[in-house]
């Protein structure tokens, strides 16, 4: 379901309309993307030895994913050429004035290199099946342990029956961001304002080519920004804290931020509002909801019981 929704969000058409000679096999597409993603995780975990990683299925899955993205790029280029040829004098002006109708069209206005476009498409679809599912797993885990927050959320959902409840009020993403680690490579010699010196408060030199890793989970647990006991789930803290732009980055920031941020939030808001309206309680036992897994810092196991209203 999430992959199909992601395709519609990105392209504007159902996945069954995917260009090509063969009909779209959704289960097969999801499987190949999952193999490509898991293999990439395993390869990256090898660090400097990543180039020794050899896995035939992973290579085939990556080739499949690249071909999938190339089909979208070629189709979008074809549509743009057809549009331009139909009105050569004013087509570009009209295209710009109308604005992008889909995320794919928006990318075409920002990038012209096909390889860059393919990378952006892959970034979006690799995360699509997991982001919302992981988000809802975390929020249900936390809400089942904080019934007072659930009651308040349910009151809000019932009050605004035609709208999704304000998922941001729960702020689960602070504790369990979609990406726990952000990687950036310096494209030129530069400096960071802090991080150097004995106290870590002096500027630090970053030469070109240096890989910089940002621990997002640690960033979201800084007491000076998020208040006392930042490791605890306490949504009310957002009534008095005001993190700066780069102090709260559950989806990253800048030109490499998550393309599916708005999609993930809208879907999570809708699903959470639906649950809050239809179920009066959410329960769990400590042994059914414990442990922190390696992926995204999410609970290793999350078993909850929903009591229908």
C-alpha atoms as a PDB file:
ATOM      1  CA  UNK A   1       0.000   0.000   0.000  1.00  0.00           C
ATOM      2  CA  UNK A   2       2.756   2.459   0.962  1.00  0.00           C
ATOM      3  CA  UNK A   3       4.695   1.832  -2.237  1.00  0.00           C
ATOM      4  CA  UNK A   4       1.605   2.366  -4.381  1.00  0.00           C
ATOM      5  CA  UNK A   5       0.769   5.554  -2.487  1.00  0.00           C
ATOM      6  CA  UNK A   6       4.357   6.748  -2.857  1.00  0.00           C
ATOM      7  CA  UNK A   7       4.223   6.211  -6.615  1.00  0.00           C
ATOM      8  CA  UNK A   8       1.001   8.208  -6.962  1.00  0.00           C
ATOM      9  CA  UNK A   9       2.434  10.992  -4.775  1.00  0.00           C
ATOM     10  CA  UNK A  10       5.621  11.143  -6.835  1.00  0.00           C
ATOM     11  CA  UNK A  11       4.347  10.607 -10.389  1.00  0.00           C
ATOM     12  CA  UNK A  12       0.680  11.583 -10.183  1.00  0.00           C
ATOM     13  CA  UNK A  13      -0.596   8.343 -11.745  1.00  0.00           C
ATOM     14  CA  UNK A  14      -1.193   4.827 -10.357  1.00  0.00           C
ATOM     15  CA  UNK A  15       1.742   2.452 -10.573  1.00  0.00           C
ATOM     16  CA  UNK A  16      -0.190   0.334 -13.076  1.00  0.00           C
ATOM     17  CA  UNK A  17       0.522   3.140 -15.571  1.00  0.00           C
ATOM     18  CA  UNK A  18       4.300   2.627 -15.227  1.00  0.00           C
ATOM     19  CA  UNK A  19       5.766   3.009 -18.737  1.00  0.00           C
ATOM     20  CA  UNK A  20       7.181  -0.120 -20.334  1.00  0.00           C
ATOM     21  CA  UNK A  21       6.249  -3.214 -22.279  1.00  0.00           C
ATOM     22  CA  UNK A  22       5.403  -5.328 -19.215  1.00  0.00           C
ATOM     23  CA  UNK A  23       2.669  -4.656 -16.627  1.00  0.00           C
ATOM     24  CA  UNK A  24       3.862  -3.469 -13.218  1.00  0.00           C
ATOM     25  CA  UNK A  25       4.484  -6.291 -10.757  1.00  0.00           C
ATOM     26  CA  UNK A  26       4.133  -4.402  -7.484  1.00  0.00           C
ATOM     27  CA  UNK A  27       5.237  -7.271  -5.268  1.00  0.00           C
ATOM     28  CA  UNK A  28       8.289  -7.850  -7.454  1.00  0.00           C
ATOM     29  CA  UNK A  29       9.192  -4.155  -7.466  1.00  0.00           C
ATOM     30  CA  UNK A  30       8.966  -3.947  -3.672  1.00  0.00           C
ATOM     31  CA  UNK A  31      11.094  -7.077  -3.290  1.00  0.00           C
ATOM     32  CA  UNK A  32      13.854  -5.794  -5.550  1.00  0.00           C
ATOM     33  CA  UNK A  33      13.923  -2.389  -3.841  1.00  0.00           C
ATOM     34  CA  UNK A  34      14.117  -4.079  -0.434  1.00  0.00           C
ATOM     35  CA  UNK A  35      17.049  -6.261  -1.560  1.00  0.00           C
ATOM     36  CA  UNK A  36      18.848  -3.222  -2.956  1.00  0.00           C
ATOM     37  CA  UNK A  37      18.328  -1.257   0.259  1.00  0.00           C
ATOM     38  CA  UNK A  38      19.380  -4.023   2.651  1.00  0.00           C
ATOM     39  CA  UNK A  39      22.430  -4.840   0.555  1.00  0.00           C
ATOM     40  CA  UNK A  40      23.421  -1.169   0.540  1.00  0.00           C
ATOM     41  CA  UNK A  41      23.111  -1.050   4.330  1.00  0.00           C
ATOM     42  CA  UNK A  42      25.313  -4.133   4.685  1.00  0.00           C
ATOM     43  CA  UNK A  43      27.858  -2.781   2.241  1.00  0.00           C
ATOM     44  CA  UNK A  44      28.024   0.611   3.956  1.00  0.00           C
ATOM     45  CA  UNK A  45      28.505  -1.073   7.349  1.00  0.00           C
ATOM     46  CA  UNK A  46      31.826  -2.461   6.066  1.00  0.00           C
ATOM     47  CA  UNK A  47      33.273   1.062   6.004  1.00  0.00           C
ATOM     48  CA  UNK A  48      36.520   1.302   4.029  1.00  0.00           C
ATOM     49  CA  UNK A  49      36.141  -2.354   3.036  1.00  0.00           C
ATOM     50  CA  UNK A  50      32.757  -1.760   1.396  1.00  0.00           C
ATOM     51  CA  UNK A  51      34.216  -2.379  -2.062  1.00  0.00           C
ATOM     52  CA  UNK A  52      34.853  -5.998  -1.077  1.00  0.00           C
ATOM     53  CA  UNK A  53      31.134  -6.590  -0.646  1.00  0.00           C
ATOM     54  CA  UNK A  54      30.003  -9.091  -3.282  1.00  0.00           C
ATOM     55  CA  UNK A  55      26.412 -10.236  -3.581  1.00  0.00           C
ATOM     56  CA  UNK A  56      24.898 -11.206  -6.922  1.00  0.00           C
ATOM     57  CA  UNK A  57      21.288 -10.667  -5.817  1.00  0.00           C
ATOM     58  CA  UNK A  58      22.143  -7.210  -4.497  1.00  0.00           C
ATOM     59  CA  UNK A  59      23.812  -6.227  -7.788  1.00  0.00           C
ATOM     60  CA  UNK A  60      20.791  -7.470  -9.753  1.00  0.00           C
ATOM     61  CA  UNK A  61      18.423  -5.598  -7.424  1.00  0.00           C
ATOM     62  CA  UNK A  62      20.400  -2.368  -7.870  1.00  0.00           C
ATOM     63  CA  UNK A  63      20.275  -2.786 -11.647  1.00  0.00           C
ATOM     64  CA  UNK A  64      16.511  -3.300 -11.422  1.00  0.00           C
ATOM     65  CA  UNK A  65      16.067  -0.181  -9.268  1.00  0.00           C
ATOM     66  CA  UNK A  66      18.171   1.910 -11.657  1.00  0.00           C
ATOM     67  CA  UNK A  67      16.140   0.662 -14.617  1.00  0.00           C
ATOM     68  CA  UNK A  68      12.922   1.492 -12.766  1.00  0.00           C
ATOM     69  CA  UNK A  69      14.104   5.060 -12.137  1.00  0.00           C
ATOM     70  CA  UNK A  70      15.364   5.452 -15.722  1.00  0.00           C
ATOM     71  CA  UNK A  71      11.929   4.527 -17.053  1.00  0.00           C
ATOM     72  CA  UNK A  72      10.409   7.373 -15.062  1.00  0.00           C
ATOM     73  CA  UNK A  73      13.076   9.820 -16.217  1.00  0.00           C
ATOM     74  CA  UNK A  74      12.654   8.855 -19.874  1.00  0.00           C
ATOM     75  CA  UNK A  75       8.857   9.105 -19.660  1.00  0.00           C
ATOM     76  CA  UNK A  76       9.006  12.526 -18.039  1.00  0.00           C
ATOM     77  CA  UNK A  77      11.464  13.737 -20.691  1.00  0.00           C
ATOM     78  CA  UNK A  78       9.167  12.434 -23.419  1.00  0.00           C
ATOM     79  CA  UNK A  79       6.154  14.256 -21.939  1.00  0.00           C
ATOM     80  CA  UNK A  80       8.132  17.468 -21.717  1.00  0.00           C
ATOM     81  CA  UNK A  81       9.296  17.186 -25.333  1.00  0.00           C
ATOM     82  CA  UNK A  82       5.714  16.534 -26.496  1.00  0.00           C
ATOM     83  CA  UNK A  83       4.487  19.521 -24.517  1.00  0.00           C
ATOM     84  CA  UNK A  84       7.182  21.782 -25.933  1.00  0.00           C
ATOM     85  CA  UNK A  85       6.583  20.685 -29.540  1.00  0.00           C
ATOM     86  CA  UNK A  86       2.846  21.355 -29.232  1.00  0.00           C
ATOM     87  CA  UNK A  87       3.443  25.029 -28.383  1.00  0.00           C
ATOM     88  CA  UNK A  88       7.050  25.907 -29.240  1.00  0.00           C
ATOM     89  CA  UNK A  89       6.685  29.647 -28.749  1.00  0.00           C
ATOM     90  CA  UNK A  90       5.258  29.767 -25.244  1.00  0.00           C
ATOM     91  CA  UNK A  91       5.598  26.230 -23.925  1.00  0.00           C
ATOM     92  CA  UNK A  92       8.425  26.891 -21.492  1.00  0.00           C
ATOM     93  CA  UNK A  93       6.772  30.039 -20.180  1.00  0.00           C
ATOM     94  CA  UNK A  94       3.506  28.183 -19.671  1.00  0.00           C
ATOM     95  CA  UNK A  95       5.280  25.283 -18.013  1.00  0.00           C
ATOM     96  CA  UNK A  96       6.983  27.597 -15.532  1.00  0.00           C
ATOM     97  CA  UNK A  97       3.834  29.632 -14.857  1.00  0.00           C
ATOM     98  CA  UNK A  98       1.674  26.593 -14.263  1.00  0.00           C
ATOM     99  CA  UNK A  99       4.184  25.227 -11.812  1.00  0.00           C
ATOM    100  CA  UNK A 100       4.969  21.574 -11.143  1.00  0.00           C
ATOM    101  CA  UNK A 101       1.970  19.306 -10.704  1.00  0.00           C
ATOM    102  CA  UNK A 102       3.924  16.397  -9.218  1.00  0.00           C
ATOM    103  CA  UNK A 103       7.133  15.860  -7.288  1.00  0.00           C
ATOM    104  CA  UNK A 104       8.701  14.360 -10.419  1.00  0.00           C
ATOM    105  CA  UNK A 105       7.953  17.513 -12.419  1.00  0.00           C
ATOM    106  CA  UNK A 106       9.353  19.620  -9.602  1.00  0.00           C
ATOM    107  CA  UNK A 107      12.631  17.695  -9.774  1.00  0.00           C
ATOM    108  CA  UNK A 108      12.789  18.258 -13.524  1.00  0.00           C
ATOM    109  CA  UNK A 109      12.689  21.994 -12.907  1.00  0.00           C
ATOM    110  CA  UNK A 110      15.631  21.707 -10.482  1.00  0.00           C
ATOM    111  CA  UNK A 111      17.882  19.171 -12.223  1.00  0.00           C
ATOM    112  CA  UNK A 112      18.831  18.574 -15.825  1.00  0.00           C
ATOM    113  CA  UNK A 113      21.349  15.758 -15.421  1.00  0.00           C
ATOM    114  CA  UNK A 114      19.682  12.353 -15.865  1.00  0.00           C
ATOM    115  CA  UNK A 115      21.979  10.643 -13.354  1.00  0.00           C
ATOM    116  CA  UNK A 116      21.133  13.254 -10.719  1.00  0.00           C
ATOM    117  CA  UNK A 117      17.434  12.808 -11.400  1.00  0.00           C
ATOM    118  CA  UNK A 118      17.748   9.048 -11.108  1.00  0.00           C
ATOM    119  CA  UNK A 119      19.503   9.380  -7.746  1.00  0.00           C
ATOM    120  CA  UNK A 120      16.740  11.631  -6.419  1.00  0.00           C
ATOM    121  CA  UNK A 121      14.070   9.159  -7.568  1.00  0.00           C
ATOM    122  CA  UNK A 122      15.872   6.246  -5.928  1.00  0.00           C
ATOM    123  CA  UNK A 123      16.279   8.175  -2.691  1.00  0.00           C
ATOM    124  CA  UNK A 124      12.525   8.721  -2.552  1.00  0.00           C
ATOM    125  CA  UNK A 125      11.406   5.190  -3.382  1.00  0.00           C
ATOM    126  CA  UNK A 126      13.986   3.415  -1.235  1.00  0.00           C
ATOM    127  CA  UNK A 127      12.553   5.052   1.877  1.00  0.00           C
ATOM    128  CA  UNK A 128       8.864   4.994   0.875  1.00  0.00           C
ATOM    129  CA  UNK A 129       7.883   1.505   2.183  1.00  0.00           C
ATOM    130  CA  UNK A 130       9.546   1.993   5.564  1.00  0.00           C
ATOM    131  CA  UNK A 131       9.219   5.583   6.720  1.00  0.00           C
ATOM    132  CA  UNK A 132       5.524   5.733   7.611  1.00  0.00           C
ATOM    133  CA  UNK A 133       5.402   2.165   8.936  1.00  0.00           C
ATOM    134  CA  UNK A 134       8.354   2.870  11.223  1.00  0.00           C
ATOM    135  CA  UNK A 135       6.852   6.184  12.284  1.00  0.00           C
ATOM    136  CA  UNK A 136       3.523   4.609  13.261  1.00  0.00           C
ATOM    137  CA  UNK A 137       5.293   1.760  15.062  1.00  0.00           C
ATOM    138  CA  UNK A 138       7.144   4.235  17.249  1.00  0.00           C
ATOM    139  CA  UNK A 139       4.171   6.455  17.968  1.00  0.00           C
ATOM    140  CA  UNK A 140       1.937   3.493  18.899  1.00  0.00           C
ATOM    141  CA  UNK A 141       4.676   2.141  21.145  1.00  0.00           C
ATOM    142  CA  UNK A 142       4.969   5.450  22.998  1.00  0.00           C
ATOM    143  CA  UNK A 143       1.244   6.185  23.169  1.00  0.00           C
ATOM    144  CA  UNK A 144       0.505   2.753  24.620  1.00  0.00           C
ATOM    145  CA  UNK A 145       2.821   3.635  27.506  1.00  0.00           C
ATOM    146  CA  UNK A 146       1.366   7.140  27.997  1.00  0.00           C
ATOM    147  CA  UNK A 147      -2.448   6.835  28.209  1.00  0.00           C
ATOM    148  CA  UNK A 148      -2.830  10.507  29.178  1.00  0.00           C
ATOM    149  CA  UNK A 149      -1.334  11.563  25.849  1.00  0.00           C
ATOM    150  CA  UNK A 150      -3.605   9.149  24.000  1.00  0.00           C
ATOM    151  CA  UNK A 151      -6.691  10.595  25.725  1.00  0.00           C
ATOM    152  CA  UNK A 152      -5.693  14.122  24.778  1.00  0.00           C
ATOM    153  CA  UNK A 153      -5.007  13.026  21.210  1.00  0.00           C
ATOM    154  CA  UNK A 154      -8.373  11.289  21.001  1.00  0.00           C
ATOM    155  CA  UNK A 155     -10.168  14.426  22.216  1.00  0.00           C
ATOM    156  CA  UNK A 156      -8.474  16.433  19.492  1.00  0.00           C
ATOM    157  CA  UNK A 157      -9.311  13.861  16.818  1.00  0.00           C
ATOM    158  CA  UNK A 158     -12.986  13.790  17.854  1.00  0.00           C
ATOM    159  CA  UNK A 159     -13.183  17.568  17.940  1.00  0.00           C
ATOM    160  CA  UNK A 160     -11.844  17.857  14.390  1.00  0.00           C
ATOM    161  CA  UNK A 161     -13.621  14.857  12.918  1.00  0.00           C
ATOM    162  CA  UNK A 162     -13.007  15.887   9.304  1.00  0.00           C
ATOM    163  CA  UNK A 163      -9.327  16.669   9.777  1.00  0.00           C
ATOM    164  CA  UNK A 164      -6.272  14.711  10.754  1.00  0.00           C
ATOM    165  CA  UNK A 165      -5.135  15.356  14.292  1.00  0.00           C
ATOM    166  CA  UNK A 166      -1.988  17.354  14.869  1.00  0.00           C
ATOM    167  CA  UNK A 167       0.579  14.583  14.736  1.00  0.00           C
ATOM    168  CA  UNK A 168       3.362  17.065  15.302  1.00  0.00           C
ATOM    169  CA  UNK A 169       2.056  17.598  18.856  1.00  0.00           C
ATOM    170  CA  UNK A 170       3.169  14.096  19.709  1.00  0.00           C
ATOM    171  CA  UNK A 171       6.732  14.794  18.471  1.00  0.00           C
ATOM    172  CA  UNK A 172       7.711  11.170  18.273  1.00  0.00           C
ATOM    173  CA  UNK A 173      10.172  12.077  15.559  1.00  0.00           C
ATOM    174  CA  UNK A 174      12.392  13.789  18.100  1.00  0.00           C
ATOM    175  CA  UNK A 175      13.081  10.481  19.844  1.00  0.00           C
ATOM    176  CA  UNK A 176      12.859   8.254  16.784  1.00  0.00           C
ATOM    177  CA  UNK A 177      13.814  10.237  13.655  1.00  0.00           C
ATOM    178  CA  UNK A 178      13.326   8.593  10.284  1.00  0.00           C
ATOM    179  CA  UNK A 179      17.075   8.771   9.670  1.00  0.00           C
ATOM    180  CA  UNK A 180      19.274   8.465  12.739  1.00  0.00           C
ATOM    181  CA  UNK A 181      22.460   9.306  10.854  1.00  0.00           C
ATOM    182  CA  UNK A 182      23.030  12.008   8.256  1.00  0.00           C
ATOM    183  CA  UNK A 183      26.091  11.796   6.006  1.00  0.00           C
ATOM    184  CA  UNK A 184      27.576  14.701   4.093  1.00  0.00           C
ATOM    185  CA  UNK A 185      30.829  15.082   2.155  1.00  0.00           C
ATOM    186  CA  UNK A 186      32.577  18.445   2.016  1.00  0.00           C
ATOM    187  CA  UNK A 187      32.670  19.672  -1.592  1.00  0.00           C
ATOM    188  CA  UNK A 188      35.299  22.297  -0.702  1.00  0.00           C
ATOM    189  CA  UNK A 189      37.614  23.209   2.168  1.00  0.00           C
ATOM    190  CA  UNK A 190      35.496  24.726   4.913  1.00  0.00           C
ATOM    191  CA  UNK A 191      35.116  25.100   8.680  1.00  0.00           C
ATOM    192  CA  UNK A 192      32.443  24.228  11.183  1.00  0.00           C
ATOM    193  CA  UNK A 193      31.705  26.931  13.787  1.00  0.00           C
ATOM    194  CA  UNK A 194      32.161  24.592  16.762  1.00  0.00           C
ATOM    195  CA  UNK A 195      33.673  21.204  17.481  1.00  0.00           C
ATOM    196  CA  UNK A 196      37.344  22.124  17.796  1.00  0.00           C
ATOM    197  CA  UNK A 197      39.540  22.843  20.790  1.00  0.00           C
ATOM    198  CA  UNK A 198      39.639  21.141  24.175  1.00  0.00           C
ATOM    199  CA  UNK A 199      36.121  22.294  25.029  1.00  0.00           C
ATOM    200  CA  UNK A 200      34.653  21.632  21.578  1.00  0.00           C
ATOM    201  CA  UNK A 201      33.533  25.243  21.212  1.00  0.00           C
ATOM    202  CA  UNK A 202      36.177  26.451  18.763  1.00  0.00           C
ATOM    203  CA  UNK A 203      35.923  26.289  14.939  1.00  0.00           C
ATOM    204  CA  UNK A 204      37.173  23.115  13.304  1.00  0.00           C
ATOM    205  CA  UNK A 205      38.729  22.786   9.843  1.00  0.00           C
ATOM    206  CA  UNK A 206      37.052  20.379   7.396  1.00  0.00           C
ATOM    207  CA  UNK A 207      39.119  19.669   4.263  1.00  0.00           C
ATOM    208  CA  UNK A 208      37.503  18.917   0.913  1.00  0.00           C
ATOM    209  CA  UNK A 209      36.373  15.301   0.604  1.00  0.00           C
ATOM    210  CA  UNK A 210      35.892  14.785   4.336  1.00  0.00           C
ATOM    211  CA  UNK A 211      32.837  12.699   5.227  1.00  0.00           C
ATOM    212  CA  UNK A 212      30.879  14.313   8.047  1.00  0.00           C
ATOM    213  CA  UNK A 213      28.451  12.185  10.059  1.00  0.00           C
ATOM    214  CA  UNK A 214      25.623  13.750  12.065  1.00  0.00           C
ATOM    215  CA  UNK A 215      24.147  11.640  14.871  1.00  0.00           C
ATOM    216  CA  UNK A 216      20.549  12.844  14.689  1.00  0.00           C
ATOM    217  CA  UNK A 217      19.371  10.895  17.737  1.00  0.00           C
ATOM    218  CA  UNK A 218      22.096  12.481  19.869  1.00  0.00           C
ATOM    219  CA  UNK A 219      21.323  15.909  18.388  1.00  0.00           C
ATOM    220  CA  UNK A 220      17.677  15.540  19.448  1.00  0.00           C
ATOM    221  CA  UNK A 221      18.694  14.756  23.012  1.00  0.00           C
ATOM    222  CA  UNK A 222      20.730  17.863  23.850  1.00  0.00           C
ATOM    223  CA  UNK A 223      19.454  19.138  27.249  1.00  0.00           C
ATOM    224  CA  UNK A 224      20.302  22.769  26.492  1.00  0.00           C
ATOM    225  CA  UNK A 225      17.904  22.639  23.519  1.00  0.00           C
ATOM    226  CA  UNK A 226      15.179  20.195  24.546  1.00  0.00           C
ATOM    227  CA  UNK A 227      15.121  20.670  28.299  1.00  0.00           C
ATOM    228  CA  UNK A 228      15.684  18.242  31.192  1.00  0.00           C
ATOM    229  CA  UNK A 229      15.422  14.485  30.665  1.00  0.00           C
ATOM    230  CA  UNK A 230      15.478  14.785  26.856  1.00  0.00           C
ATOM    231  CA  UNK A 231      15.453  10.993  26.489  1.00  0.00           C
ATOM    232  CA  UNK A 232      11.874  10.790  27.850  1.00  0.00           C
ATOM    233  CA  UNK A 233       8.614  11.093  25.913  1.00  0.00           C
ATOM    234  CA  UNK A 234       7.079  14.348  27.126  1.00  0.00           C
ATOM    235  CA  UNK A 235       5.175  16.150  24.324  1.00  0.00           C
ATOM    236  CA  UNK A 236       4.405  19.113  26.589  1.00  0.00           C
ATOM    237  CA  UNK A 237       8.042  20.170  26.374  1.00  0.00           C
ATOM    238  CA  UNK A 238       7.218  21.662  22.954  1.00  0.00           C
ATOM    239  CA  UNK A 239       5.154  24.306  24.727  1.00  0.00           C
ATOM    240  CA  UNK A 240       8.326  25.969  25.975  1.00  0.00           C
ATOM    241  CA  UNK A 241      11.231  24.835  23.766  1.00  0.00           C
ATOM    242  CA  UNK A 242      12.091  26.461  20.436  1.00  0.00           C
ATOM    243  CA  UNK A 243      14.834  24.501  18.639  1.00  0.00           C
ATOM    244  CA  UNK A 244      16.622  26.312  15.851  1.00  0.00           C
ATOM    245  CA  UNK A 245      16.534  25.153  12.234  1.00  0.00           C
ATOM    246  CA  UNK A 246      19.491  22.769  12.444  1.00  0.00           C
ATOM    247  CA  UNK A 247      18.765  21.550  15.983  1.00  0.00           C
ATOM    248  CA  UNK A 248      15.705  19.505  14.981  1.00  0.00           C
ATOM    249  CA  UNK A 249      16.161  17.597  11.722  1.00  0.00           C
ATOM    250  CA  UNK A 250      14.068  14.380  11.709  1.00  0.00           C
ATOM    251  CA  UNK A 251      13.996  14.441   7.904  1.00  0.00           C
ATOM    252  CA  UNK A 252      17.295  16.182   7.368  1.00  0.00           C
ATOM    253  CA  UNK A 253      17.771  19.726   6.085  1.00  0.00           C
ATOM    254  CA  UNK A 254      18.987  21.529   3.016  1.00  0.00           C
ATOM    255  CA  UNK A 255      18.929  20.331  -0.604  1.00  0.00           C
ATOM    256  CA  UNK A 256      19.446  16.707   0.493  1.00  0.00           C
ATOM    257  CA  UNK A 257      16.506  16.623   2.892  1.00  0.00           C
ATOM    258  CA  UNK A 258      13.999  13.775   2.588  1.00  0.00           C
ATOM    259  CA  UNK A 259      11.825  14.199  -0.506  1.00  0.00           C
ATOM    260  CA  UNK A 260       8.952  12.308   1.106  1.00  0.00           C
ATOM    261  CA  UNK A 261       8.704  14.383   4.285  1.00  0.00           C
ATOM    262  CA  UNK A 262       5.281  15.888   3.570  1.00  0.00           C
ATOM    263  CA  UNK A 263       3.923  12.584   2.296  1.00  0.00           C
ATOM    264  CA  UNK A 264       5.064  10.742   5.420  1.00  0.00           C
ATOM    265  CA  UNK A 265       3.587  13.349   7.769  1.00  0.00           C
ATOM    266  CA  UNK A 266       0.242  13.511   5.952  1.00  0.00           C
ATOM    267  CA  UNK A 267      -0.145   9.723   5.925  1.00  0.00           C
ATOM    268  CA  UNK A 268       0.892   9.391   9.569  1.00  0.00           C
ATOM    269  CA  UNK A 269      -1.476  12.191  10.615  1.00  0.00           C
ATOM    270  CA  UNK A 270      -4.379  10.566   8.808  1.00  0.00           C
ATOM    271  CA  UNK A 271      -3.688   7.089  10.190  1.00  0.00           C
ATOM    272  CA  UNK A 272      -3.223   8.343  13.741  1.00  0.00           C
ATOM    273  CA  UNK A 273      -6.407  10.433  13.594  1.00  0.00           C
ATOM    274  CA  UNK A 274      -8.343   7.397  12.350  1.00  0.00           C
ATOM    275  CA  UNK A 275      -7.014   5.240  15.193  1.00  0.00           C
ATOM    276  CA  UNK A 276      -7.747   7.905  17.810  1.00  0.00           C
ATOM    277  CA  UNK A 277     -11.341   8.328  16.631  1.00  0.00           C
ATOM    278  CA  UNK A 278     -12.127   4.606  16.428  1.00  0.00           C
ATOM    279  CA  UNK A 279     -10.351   3.311  19.554  1.00  0.00           C
ATOM    280  CA  UNK A 280     -10.734   4.671  23.065  1.00  0.00           C
ATOM    281  CA  UNK A 281      -7.660   2.968  24.523  1.00  0.00           C
ATOM    282  CA  UNK A 282      -4.298   1.631  23.446  1.00  0.00           C
ATOM    283  CA  UNK A 283      -2.570  -0.765  25.823  1.00  0.00           C
ATOM    284  CA  UNK A 284       0.597  -2.793  26.112  1.00  0.00           C
ATOM    285  CA  UNK A 285       2.544  -4.725  28.709  1.00  0.00           C
ATOM    286  CA  UNK A 286       6.200  -3.837  29.415  1.00  0.00           C
ATOM    287  CA  UNK A 287       7.477  -7.122  27.981  1.00  0.00           C
ATOM    288  CA  UNK A 288       5.553  -6.506  24.732  1.00  0.00           C
ATOM    289  CA  UNK A 289       7.121  -3.138  24.156  1.00  0.00           C
ATOM    290  CA  UNK A 290      10.786  -2.977  24.938  1.00  0.00           C
ATOM    291  CA  UNK A 291      14.278  -2.794  23.574  1.00  0.00           C
ATOM    292  CA  UNK A 292      15.836  -0.552  20.981  1.00  0.00           C
ATOM    293  CA  UNK A 293      16.679  -1.984  17.607  1.00  0.00           C
ATOM    294  CA  UNK A 294      19.542  -1.055  15.348  1.00  0.00           C
ATOM    295  CA  UNK A 295      17.345   0.413  12.616  1.00  0.00           C
ATOM    296  CA  UNK A 296      16.213   3.971  13.340  1.00  0.00           C
ATOM    297  CA  UNK A 297      16.435   3.316  17.096  1.00  0.00           C
ATOM    298  CA  UNK A 298      12.908   1.895  16.994  1.00  0.00           C
ATOM    299  CA  UNK A 299      11.577  -0.601  19.556  1.00  0.00           C
ATOM    300  CA  UNK A 300      12.654  -4.131  18.728  1.00  0.00           C
ATOM    301  CA  UNK A 301       9.140  -5.354  19.432  1.00  0.00           C
ATOM    302  CA  UNK A 302       5.864  -3.431  19.559  1.00  0.00           C
ATOM    303  CA  UNK A 303       2.696  -5.348  20.420  1.00  0.00           C
ATOM    304  CA  UNK A 304      -0.284  -3.200  21.393  1.00  0.00           C
ATOM    305  CA  UNK A 305      -3.992  -3.843  22.043  1.00  0.00           C
ATOM    306  CA  UNK A 306      -6.554  -1.368  20.750  1.00  0.00           C
ATOM    307  CA  UNK A 307      -9.915  -1.097  22.573  1.00  0.00           C
ATOM    308  CA  UNK A 308     -12.668  -0.045  20.185  1.00  0.00           C
ATOM    309  CA  UNK A 309     -14.825   2.895  21.283  1.00  0.00           C
END
